Amino acid sequence: MKILPLKIKLLSPLFNYSRVTNGGAITSDFIGDMALTYALNRVRKDRAFVENFFQRAARSPNYAELRELDYHFTVAKPIRFEMTGIYIRNTLYNTDNYPHADLIGKEGAARKSLFKNYFRVQGIRPEGEFSACLLCRDSFHLQLPFAVRLGTGRECLALLERDRTFDEAKEEVWLNAHALKWVFGNLPMAIRRLTEDGRLFFEYKLENYVLMKRVSIEQVKYIFSEVFNA
């Protein structure tokens, strides 16, 4: 098993709408481990289970499929970032990343309406930086720097670079309890280990993102040893 420390730099604005407000949505202050893993596979095409961008209907998530890959990210925690201004976004099918004309019209899935559907959004500005680790098998290699696309509509271009300042003995990472349960099936073992060390700290963010913070690299190696050493 290898652990590759990375810096993730946003080259364009990031929007993912994780926090709902009155009439709008705000982007999270972290980048999800599953989102990063899907994004890397989408470029490398190690597995063919990622959907085409222009598919007509999104399928239900099947996060267990990530177990098929030889790698997985930790949750990317913020180093520095600034929020964008607040924008108004239109969600009508003919204006928001829906290229198929047959979806629009009297008989289409998005029948024409007299009313527009607007909501306010706020994202993260370009140049924001995040820290994450790529957990992988010894046989896996990734040539850096490497670019992926993230966020709603995959609009954000992000650059993955080696983090030369990472101190394995001192750094702490964030894991996702949802991924440990539904992707790797080792959440009970992880909770036992973190409880024994007195470092168990949960923070609920979303249904599929329950963050486990203050996790040491040694604990990460223990939790994922059977995943990437098998």
Foldseek 3Di string as FASTA:
>chain_A
DDKFKKKKFWQFWAFAFQADDVQAGERDQWAAFLQVLLQVCVVVVPDDPDDDLQDPDDDDDQLQVSLVDQKIKFIWHWDDWDKDDKDKDWDQCVPFSHPDPQLEDDPHVRYDDPDTRIGIYMTIGGGTMTIMMMDGAPPDDDDPFDWTFGHDSSPIIMTIDGDPPDDQVPDKTKHFLLCCCRHVNQNVVLVVVCVVVVQFDWDDRDPNGIITTPHHPVSVCVSCVVSRVD
